[in-house]
Amino acid sequence: MTEPGTSPADTSDTPAIAGRDAATAPPPAASRRTGLLVTLVLGGLTAVPPLSMDMYLPALPQVTAALHSPAATVQLTLTTCLAGMALGQMIVGPMSDKWGRRRPLLAGMVVYVLATALCVIATNAELLIAFRLLQGLAGAAGIVIARAVVRDLYDGVAMARFFSTLMLISGVAPVVAPLIGGQILQVTDWRGVFVVLTAVGLALTLLVWRCLAETLPPARRHPGGIGEALRTMRDLLADRVFSGYLLVGAFAFAALFAYISASPFVVQEIYGASPQVFSLLFGINSVGLVAVGQLNGKVLVGRVALDKVLGAGLTVIALAAGALLLMSSGVFGHVGLFPMAAGLFVLMAAMGLVMPSTNTLALLRTPHAAGSASALLGTSTFLLGSIASPLVGIAGERTAVPMALVQLSCAVLALGSFLGLCRPWQRKGESSSGGRTAL
């Protein structure tokens, strides 16, 4: 939408909702700090999705057998959890802009613990799907509010670096979770995975209650109801550049989730690896993501424009996805597990450049509605991720072609959104806290 007296070109280079009262803007990054414990809590909240997904991944074939359900049905337990996280963020994000961050977060975490405990006693696939949906709806509170808290506390380059720090903390989850899941299956069945997730959720809830103070003072809250929240989201989506970064992040996450959803069957069913070997490979790939994320935060941020980093990451993802498609379709003949694992490692590692940069560049444009902006970012990523999940199994469990094809399609769409909507070369000198974000 174009403000009176401005041209569309002007609007595209102005942060969304820039006409709001300056008093509602977040304080300078230099005046706000988080302690180590709060940083760990925020990292734990962003780890909710990989904990909920990755610890459960090695058990997917076992769940299929135990509940006497086809693989496509059991994969819906991943899809519905993601869909719940997508919808939940749309609800919790605006709530946190109106009532503050702390109360909606605590309520969501309590329901998450209860829903996870119900998964333990599910007797059929349909009940498990329903409980996973509730788990996703509640777990969304941790994801969306953690990003909003970061936006409350930081700006510009400092925000980009903090997101990279969160990636280090939350990145431990996808490294450790499948390893823990594989070891749990050594001593008990798939239900034990949800027992552990219940305990983790309870511990995180207690830490939030004891350690995380409110970061959104009453003066900066939005007093409106549903109508105001919808108008805020409409204004955010009307900003072409914000919408571009939103789509970039969503398509990149869909490529990532295509891997998450399909890899248990690709690695274990097609290549005959054990759950422990799968967990090890998954952990190695996650280490690559974390390591590149730290390289981004410690070395690149503040020295290289964020849009350049983002563009490079998207290009690498597209190339890796293309190589995976060629290998899985037999262009190079029969390939073993190692070449496929190498391609997946490169794709995962490049996500360490894309994810922090996308979040930072999008939230830099939305200083006055961090909760709603975070909700839109999270909802779009989980919605596309939930769509990607069933597509990877469309040709059965004996081929990796659908996984690679979905990944390549998503990578191309992400790169197209970046070039077609973000257009960083058109934004001259756009900066924040001394760090250029334009190419």
Protein backbone atom coordinates (compact mmCIF):
# COMPACT_ATOMS: atom_id res chain seq x y z
CA MET A 1 0.00 0.00 0.00
CA THR A 2 1.22 3.50 -0.83
CA GLU A 3 1.07 6.21 1.79
CA PRO A 4 -0.34 9.61 0.70
CA GLY A 5 2.34 11.69 -0.93
CA THR A 6 4.67 8.81 -1.72
CA SER A 7 5.28 6.89 -4.87
CA PRO A 8 5.24 3.11 -5.14
CA ALA A 9 9.01 3.21 -5.59
CA ASP A 10 9.36 5.05 -2.31
CA THR A 11 7.18 2.55 -0.52
CA SER A 12 9.26 -0.42 -1.65
CA ASP A 13 12.32 1.03 0.04
CA THR A 14 10.62 1.99 3.30
CA PRO A 15 10.19 -0.42 6.21
CA ALA A 16 6.63 -1.67 6.49
CA ILE A 17 4.26 0.36 8.68
CA ALA A 18 6.79 3.15 8.82
CA GLY A 19 4.09 5.69 9.56
CA ARG A 20 3.53 4.45 13.09
CA ASP A 21 4.49 6.59 16.07
CA ALA A 22 8.25 6.55 16.56
CA ALA A 23 7.70 6.04 20.27
CA THR A 24 6.74 2.44 19.55
CA ALA A 25 10.04 1.66 17.87
CA PRO A 26 12.34 -0.79 19.64
CA PRO A 27 15.16 0.68 21.70
CA PRO A 28 18.65 0.85 20.22
CA ALA A 29 20.43 -2.46 20.31
CA ALA A 30 23.25 -0.99 22.38
CA SER A 31 20.86 -0.24 25.25
CA ARG A 32 19.44 -3.77 25.52
CA ARG A 33 21.25 -6.96 26.42
CA THR A 34 20.33 -10.56 27.17
CA GLY A 35 22.13 -12.70 29.67
CA LEU A 36 23.49 -16.13 28.86
CA LEU A 37 20.58 -17.93 30.51
CA VAL A 38 17.96 -15.93 28.58
CA THR A 39 19.89 -16.58 25.37
CA LEU A 40 19.79 -20.30 26.14
CA VAL A 41 16.04 -20.11 26.84
CA LEU A 42 15.40 -18.35 23.51
CA GLY A 43 17.55 -20.94 21.79
CA GLY A 44 15.56 -23.68 23.47
CA LEU A 45 12.30 -22.16 22.25
CA THR A 46 13.56 -22.08 18.67
CA ALA A 47 14.62 -25.71 19.15
CA VAL A 48 11.01 -26.82 19.71
CA PRO A 49 10.43 -27.70 16.01
CA PRO A 50 13.58 -29.81 15.53
CA LEU A 51 13.02 -31.49 18.88
CA SER A 52 9.44 -32.33 17.96
CA MET A 53 10.40 -33.55 14.48
CA ASP A 54 13.93 -34.93 14.52
CA MET A 55 13.83 -37.02 17.69
CA TYR A 56 10.84 -38.80 16.18
CA LEU A 57 12.34 -39.37 12.71
CA PRO A 58 14.24 -42.63 13.40
CA ALA A 59 10.99 -44.11 14.76
CA LEU A 60 8.90 -43.49 11.62
CA PRO A 61 9.35 -46.99 10.16
CA GLN A 62 8.61 -48.50 13.60
CA VAL A 63 5.45 -46.39 14.00
CA THR A 64 4.34 -47.57 10.55
CA ALA A 65 4.60 -51.19 11.68
CA ALA A 66 3.27 -50.72 15.22
CA LEU A 67 0.12 -48.85 14.19
CA HIS A 68 -0.42 -50.96 11.06
CA SER A 69 -0.56 -47.90 8.86
CA PRO A 70 1.04 -47.10 5.48
CA ALA A 71 4.08 -44.85 5.38
CA ALA A 72 2.11 -42.04 3.72
CA THR A 73 -0.32 -41.98 6.66
CA VAL A 74 2.44 -41.97 9.26
CA GLN A 75 4.18 -39.12 7.40
CA LEU A 76 1.01 -37.12 8.09
CA THR A 77 2.05 -37.05 11.75
CA LEU A 78 4.87 -34.78 10.57
CA THR A 79 2.64 -32.81 8.22
CA THR A 80 -0.06 -32.10 10.79
CA CYS A 81 2.47 -31.04 13.40
CA LEU A 82 3.95 -28.58 10.92
CA ALA A 83 0.50 -27.36 9.88
CA GLY A 84 -0.37 -26.81 13.54
CA MET A 85 2.80 -24.79 14.04
CA ALA A 86 1.88 -22.71 10.98
CA LEU A 87 -1.67 -21.96 12.16
CA GLY A 88 -0.64 -21.48 15.78
CA GLN A 89 1.82 -18.75 14.88
CA MET A 90 -0.91 -16.76 13.14
CA ILE A 91 -2.85 -16.81 16.41
CA VAL A 92 -0.05 -16.36 18.94
CA GLY A 93 1.93 -13.70 17.04
CA PRO A 94 -0.77 -10.98 17.14
CA MET A 95 -1.67 -12.03 20.69
CA SER A 96 1.91 -11.31 21.77
CA ASP A 97 1.75 -7.85 20.15
CA LYS A 98 -1.41 -7.11 22.17
CA TRP A 99 -0.76 -8.79 25.54
CA GLY A 100 3.02 -9.00 25.64
CA ARG A 101 5.33 -11.91 25.07
CA ARG A 102 5.32 -13.73 28.41
CA ARG A 103 1.68 -14.75 29.00
CA PRO A 104 0.95 -16.23 25.53
CA LEU A 105 4.29 -18.04 25.64
CA LEU A 106 3.64 -19.70 28.99
CA ALA A 107 0.12 -20.74 27.96
CA GLY A 108 1.39 -22.26 24.74
CA MET A 109 4.17 -24.20 26.43
CA VAL A 110 1.79 -25.71 29.01
CA VAL A 111 -0.52 -26.97 26.25
CA TYR A 112 2.52 -28.28 24.33
CA VAL A 113 3.52 -30.43 27.30
CA LEU A 114 -0.01 -31.85 27.65
CA ALA A 115 -0.32 -32.58 23.91
CA THR A 116 3.06 -34.34 23.84
CA ALA A 117 2.05 -36.49 26.79
CA LEU A 118 -1.12 -37.49 24.92
CA CYS A 119 1.01 -38.71 21.99
CA VAL A 120 2.45 -41.34 24.34
CA ILE A 121 -0.94 -43.03 24.75
CA ALA A 122 -2.13 -42.80 21.12
CA THR A 123 -3.53 -46.19 20.06
CA ASN A 124 -3.86 -45.59 16.31
CA ALA A 125 -2.50 -43.35 13.58
CA GLU A 126 -5.57 -41.13 13.56
CA LEU A 127 -5.23 -40.26 17.26
CA LEU A 128 -1.51 -39.69 16.87
CA ILE A 129 -2.16 -37.32 13.96
CA ALA A 130 -4.70 -35.38 16.05
CA PHE A 131 -2.39 -35.10 19.06
CA ARG A 132 0.50 -34.03 16.84
CA LEU A 133 -1.69 -31.28 15.40
CA LEU A 134 -2.40 -30.00 18.92
CA GLN A 135 1.30 -30.29 19.76
CA GLY A 136 2.15 -28.14 16.74
CA LEU A 137 -0.51 -25.53 17.53
CA ALA A 138 0.85 -25.09 21.06
CA GLY A 139 4.52 -25.37 20.16
CA ALA A 140 4.09 -22.46 17.76
CA ALA A 141 4.17 -20.09 20.74
CA GLY A 142 7.85 -20.77 21.38
CA ILE A 143 8.88 -20.24 17.77
CA VAL A 144 7.04 -17.02 17.02
CA ILE A 145 7.62 -15.33 20.36
CA ALA A 146 11.33 -16.14 20.45
CA ARG A 147 11.79 -14.27 17.15
CA ALA A 148 9.65 -11.38 18.41
CA VAL A 149 11.73 -11.12 21.60
CA VAL A 150 14.91 -10.90 19.51
CA ARG A 151 13.31 -8.08 17.50
CA ASP A 152 12.35 -6.35 20.77
CA LEU A 153 15.93 -6.43 21.97
CA TYR A 154 18.12 -6.03 18.89
CA ASP A 155 18.38 -4.21 15.58
CA GLY A 156 20.47 -4.34 12.41
CA VAL A 157 23.79 -6.18 12.45
CA ALA A 158 23.37 -7.02 16.14
CA MET A 159 20.11 -8.79 15.32
CA ALA A 160 21.74 -10.78 12.50
CA ARG A 161 24.51 -11.89 14.84
CA PHE A 162 22.06 -12.86 17.56
CA PHE A 163 20.04 -14.95 15.11
CA SER A 164 23.27 -16.73 14.19
CA THR A 165 23.91 -17.34 17.91
CA LEU A 166 20.42 -18.78 18.26
CA MET A 167 21.18 -21.05 15.32
CA LEU A 168 24.19 -22.39 17.23
CA ILE A 169 22.01 -23.13 20.27
CA SER A 170 18.93 -24.41 18.48
CA GLY A 171 21.17 -26.21 16.00
CA VAL A 172 22.29 -28.56 18.76
CA ALA A 173 18.75 -29.95 18.74
CA PRO A 174 18.78 -31.45 15.22
CA VAL A 175 22.28 -32.80 15.91
CA VAL A 176 21.38 -34.44 19.21
CA ALA A 177 17.68 -35.22 18.71
CA PRO A 178 17.94 -38.01 16.11
CA LEU A 179 20.89 -39.49 18.00
CA ILE A 180 18.80 -39.54 21.18
CA GLY A 181 15.85 -40.90 19.23
CA GLY A 182 17.96 -43.73 17.84
CA GLN A 183 19.27 -44.62 21.29
CA ILE A 184 15.77 -44.50 22.80
CA LEU A 185 14.69 -47.09 20.24
CA GLN A 186 17.47 -49.34 21.52
CA VAL A 187 15.82 -49.60 24.96
CA THR A 188 12.13 -48.94 24.30
CA ASP A 189 9.67 -48.30 21.49
CA TRP A 190 8.57 -45.10 19.72
CA ARG A 191 6.39 -44.04 22.66
CA GLY A 192 9.51 -43.46 24.71
CA VAL A 193 10.46 -40.69 22.29
CA PHE A 194 7.36 -38.73 23.32
CA VAL A 195 8.04 -39.37 27.00
CA VAL A 196 11.41 -37.66 26.58
CA LEU A 197 9.83 -34.81 24.58
CA THR A 198 7.30 -34.30 27.39
CA ALA A 199 10.10 -33.99 29.94
CA VAL A 200 12.01 -31.54 27.73
CA GLY A 201 8.88 -29.42 27.21
CA LEU A 202 8.19 -29.33 30.95
CA ALA A 203 11.76 -28.25 31.74
CA LEU A 204 11.64 -25.51 29.10
CA THR A 205 8.29 -24.26 30.44
CA LEU A 206 9.74 -23.94 33.93
CA LEU A 207 12.77 -22.05 32.59
CA VAL A 208 10.53 -19.61 30.72
CA TRP A 209 8.48 -19.02 33.87
CA ARG A 210 11.54 -18.41 36.02
CA CYS A 211 13.97 -16.66 33.67
CA LEU A 212 12.28 -14.86 30.78
CA ALA A 213 11.03 -11.38 31.65
CA GLU A 214 8.56 -9.39 29.56
CA THR A 215 10.30 -7.60 26.66
CA LEU A 216 7.35 -5.68 25.22
CA PRO A 217 6.30 -2.82 27.54
CA PRO A 218 2.63 -1.72 27.56
CA ALA A 219 3.45 1.51 25.68
CA ARG A 220 4.53 -0.51 22.64
CA ARG A 221 1.62 -2.96 22.54
CA HIS A 222 -1.18 -2.92 19.99
CA PRO A 223 -4.52 -2.36 21.73
CA GLY A 224 -6.67 -3.50 18.79
CA GLY A 225 -8.43 -6.82 18.35
CA ILE A 226 -8.65 -9.24 15.45
CA GLY A 227 -9.46 -6.47 12.95
CA GLU A 228 -6.35 -4.51 13.91
CA ALA A 229 -4.21 -7.64 13.70
CA LEU A 230 -5.51 -8.42 10.21
CA ARG A 231 -4.89 -4.85 9.06
CA THR A 232 -1.33 -5.02 10.41
CA MET A 233 -0.68 -8.25 8.53
CA ARG A 234 -2.21 -6.76 5.38
CA ASP A 235 0.15 -3.81 5.62
CA LEU A 236 3.09 -6.12 6.14
CA LEU A 237 2.21 -8.23 3.11
CA ALA A 238 1.68 -5.10 1.02
CA ASP A 239 5.39 -4.37 1.40
CA ARG A 240 6.88 -6.05 -1.66
CA VAL A 241 10.34 -6.52 -0.15
CA PHE A 242 9.03 -8.02 3.10
CA SER A 243 6.84 -10.41 1.12
CA GLY A 244 9.84 -11.34 -0.98
CA TYR A 245 11.92 -12.31 2.04
CA LEU A 246 8.90 -14.15 3.46
CA LEU A 247 8.66 -16.29 0.31
CA VAL A 248 12.42 -16.84 0.17
CA GLY A 249 12.41 -18.20 3.71
CA ALA A 250 9.28 -20.29 3.14
CA PHE A 251 10.54 -22.00 -0.02
CA ALA A 252 13.99 -22.59 1.51
CA PHE A 253 12.39 -24.21 4.55
CA ALA A 254 10.20 -26.37 2.27
CA ALA A 255 13.38 -27.66 0.60
CA LEU A 256 14.80 -28.40 4.05
CA PHE A 257 11.64 -30.16 5.20
CA ALA A 258 11.54 -32.27 2.05
CA TYR A 259 14.86 -33.66 3.29
CA ILE A 260 13.62 -34.03 6.89
CA SER A 261 10.48 -35.88 5.84
CA ALA A 262 12.01 -38.17 3.21
CA SER A 263 15.47 -38.90 4.60
CA PRO A 264 14.42 -41.64 7.10
CA PHE A 265 13.02 -43.69 4.22
CA VAL A 266 15.72 -42.72 1.71
CA VAL A 267 18.60 -43.57 4.04
CA GLN A 268 17.07 -46.58 5.80
CA GLU A 269 14.79 -48.16 3.20
CA ILE A 270 16.64 -47.39 -0.06
CA TYR A 271 20.24 -47.58 1.19
CA GLY A 272 19.66 -50.06 4.03
CA ALA A 273 21.20 -47.99 6.83
CA SER A 274 20.28 -48.64 10.46
CA PRO A 275 18.44 -46.05 12.58
CA GLN A 276 21.74 -45.29 14.31
CA VAL A 277 23.57 -44.68 11.01
CA PHE A 278 20.71 -42.48 9.84
CA SER A 279 20.89 -40.52 13.10
CA LEU A 280 24.63 -40.08 12.68
CA LEU A 281 24.30 -38.79 9.10
CA PHE A 282 21.49 -36.47 10.12
CA GLY A 283 23.62 -35.14 12.96
CA ILE A 284 26.59 -34.52 10.63
CA ASN A 285 24.36 -32.56 8.26
CA SER A 286 23.04 -30.50 11.14
CA VAL A 287 26.61 -29.77 12.27
CA GLY A 288 27.24 -28.38 8.78
CA LEU A 289 24.24 -26.08 9.10
CA VAL A 290 25.36 -24.85 12.53
CA ALA A 291 28.98 -24.37 11.46
CA VAL A 292 28.08 -22.31 8.41
CA GLY A 293 25.60 -20.33 10.51
CA GLN A 294 28.41 -19.45 12.90
CA LEU A 295 30.70 -18.52 10.02
CA ASN A 296 27.96 -16.20 8.85
CA GLY A 297 27.46 -14.59 12.27
CA LYS A 298 31.09 -14.30 13.34
CA VAL A 299 32.81 -13.51 10.04
CA LEU A 300 30.41 -12.40 7.31
CA VAL A 301 27.85 -10.24 9.16
CA GLY A 302 29.03 -6.64 9.20
CA ARG A 303 31.61 -7.30 6.47
CA VAL A 304 29.49 -8.70 3.64
CA ALA A 305 26.04 -7.39 2.75
CA LEU A 306 23.28 -9.65 4.06
CA ASP A 307 21.64 -9.80 0.63
CA LYS A 308 24.90 -11.04 -0.90
CA VAL A 309 25.14 -13.76 1.73
CA LEU A 310 21.52 -14.71 1.13
CA GLY A 311 21.97 -14.83 -2.65
CA ALA A 312 25.05 -17.03 -2.33
CA GLY A 313 23.26 -19.43 0.01
CA LEU A 314 20.27 -19.76 -2.31
CA THR A 315 22.55 -20.45 -5.28
CA VAL A 316 24.38 -23.24 -3.42
CA ILE A 317 21.07 -24.82 -2.36
CA ALA A 318 19.83 -24.82 -5.96
CA LEU A 319 23.06 -26.40 -7.22
CA ALA A 320 23.03 -29.07 -4.50
CA ALA A 321 19.38 -29.91 -5.19
CA GLY A 322 20.13 -30.19 -8.91
CA ALA A 323 23.00 -32.60 -8.21
CA LEU A 324 20.76 -34.71 -5.95
CA LEU A 325 18.12 -34.94 -8.68
CA LEU A 326 20.70 -36.07 -11.24
CA MET A 327 22.09 -38.71 -8.88
CA SER A 328 18.73 -40.05 -7.75
CA SER A 329 17.36 -40.25 -11.30
CA GLY A 330 20.27 -42.45 -12.45
CA VAL A 331 22.04 -40.00 -14.74
CA PHE A 332 25.37 -41.02 -13.18
CA GLY A 333 24.37 -44.67 -12.89
CA HIS A 334 23.85 -46.27 -9.52
CA VAL A 335 25.27 -44.12 -6.74
CA GLY A 336 25.80 -45.22 -3.19
CA LEU A 337 24.89 -43.59 0.09
CA PHE A 338 28.05 -41.47 0.32
CA PRO A 339 27.45 -39.24 -2.77
CA MET A 340 23.82 -38.68 -1.79
CA ALA A 341 24.85 -37.88 1.79
CA ALA A 342 27.44 -35.41 0.48
CA GLY A 343 24.83 -33.60 -1.61
CA LEU A 344 22.44 -33.42 1.34
CA PHE A 345 25.26 -32.10 3.53
CA VAL A 346 25.96 -29.21 1.11
CA LEU A 347 22.25 -28.37 0.90
CA MET A 348 21.86 -28.38 4.68
CA ALA A 349 25.04 -26.37 5.28
CA ALA A 350 23.90 -23.61 2.91
CA MET A 351 20.78 -23.19 5.05
CA GLY A 352 23.13 -21.66 7.63
CA LEU A 353 23.53 -18.69 5.30
CA VAL A 354 19.89 -18.42 4.27
CA MET A 355 17.90 -18.72 7.49
CA PRO A 356 19.50 -16.03 9.71
CA SER A 357 19.77 -13.61 6.78
CA THR A 358 16.14 -14.06 5.74
CA ASN A 359 14.80 -13.53 9.26
CA THR A 360 16.96 -10.46 9.82
CA LEU A 361 16.22 -8.78 6.50
CA ALA A 362 12.48 -9.32 6.91
CA LEU A 363 12.28 -8.19 10.54
CA LEU A 364 14.40 -5.11 9.85
CA ARG A 365 11.43 -3.82 7.86
CA THR A 366 8.89 -4.44 10.66
CA PRO A 367 10.09 -2.77 13.88
CA HIS A 368 6.56 -1.91 15.07
CA ALA A 369 4.84 -5.29 14.62
CA ALA A 370 7.44 -7.92 15.44
CA GLY A 371 4.89 -10.46 16.67
CA SER A 372 2.69 -10.25 13.59
CA ALA A 373 5.71 -10.21 11.25
CA SER A 374 7.21 -13.22 13.03
CA ALA A 375 3.85 -15.00 12.74
CA LEU A 376 3.71 -14.42 8.99
CA LEU A 377 7.30 -15.59 8.55
CA GLY A 378 6.73 -18.71 10.62
CA THR A 379 3.33 -19.56 9.18
CA SER A 380 4.54 -19.35 5.60
CA THR A 381 7.55 -21.58 6.29
CA PHE A 382 5.61 -24.26 8.13
CA LEU A 383 2.70 -24.14 5.69
CA LEU A 384 4.95 -24.79 2.69
CA GLY A 385 6.88 -27.35 4.71
CA SER A 386 3.66 -29.25 5.43
CA ILE A 387 2.86 -29.24 1.70
CA ALA A 388 6.32 -30.52 0.81
CA SER A 389 6.06 -33.47 3.22
CA PRO A 390 3.48 -35.63 1.36
CA LEU A 391 4.96 -34.75 -2.04
CA VAL A 392 8.26 -36.48 -1.28
CA GLY A 393 6.49 -39.83 -0.84
CA ILE A 394 4.25 -39.57 -3.87
CA ALA A 395 6.21 -42.20 -5.83
CA GLY A 396 6.59 -44.64 -2.93
CA GLU A 397 9.41 -45.49 -0.55
CA ARG A 398 11.92 -46.90 -3.05
CA THR A 399 13.07 -43.78 -4.89
CA ALA A 400 14.65 -40.49 -3.86
CA VAL A 401 13.60 -38.67 -7.04
CA PRO A 402 10.51 -36.97 -5.51
CA MET A 403 12.61 -35.62 -2.62
CA ALA A 404 15.23 -34.17 -4.95
CA LEU A 405 12.61 -32.79 -7.36
CA VAL A 406 10.73 -31.02 -4.55
CA GLN A 407 14.01 -29.60 -3.21
CA LEU A 408 15.07 -28.27 -6.61
CA SER A 409 11.65 -26.74 -7.30
CA CYS A 410 11.61 -25.00 -3.93
CA ALA A 411 15.19 -23.74 -4.40
CA VAL A 412 14.37 -22.26 -7.80
CA LEU A 413 11.22 -20.60 -6.42
CA ALA A 414 13.19 -19.15 -3.49
CA LEU A 415 15.83 -17.75 -5.81
CA GLY A 416 13.14 -16.36 -8.10
CA SER A 417 11.39 -14.63 -5.17
CA PHE A 418 14.69 -13.09 -4.10
CA LEU A 419 15.45 -11.71 -7.55
CA GLY A 420 11.90 -10.80 -8.52
CA LEU A 421 10.55 -9.28 -5.28
CA CYS A 422 13.45 -8.35 -3.00
CA ARG A 423 15.51 -6.77 -5.83
CA PRO A 424 18.36 -5.74 -3.51
CA TRP A 425 20.24 -3.96 -6.28
CA GLN A 426 17.41 -1.37 -6.40
CA ARG A 427 17.71 -0.42 -2.74
CA LYS A 428 20.57 2.06 -2.57
CA GLY A 429 22.39 2.37 0.71
CA GLU A 430 19.66 0.82 2.83
CA SER A 431 21.38 0.19 6.16
CA SER A 432 20.79 -0.43 9.80
CA SER A 433 23.17 0.05 12.70
CA GLY A 434 26.02 0.70 10.35
CA GLY A 435 25.66 -2.51 8.35
CA ARG A 436 24.58 -2.39 4.71
CA THR A 437 21.85 -4.86 3.85
CA ALA A 438 21.59 -4.03 0.18
CA LEU A 439 23.71 -5.51 -2.51
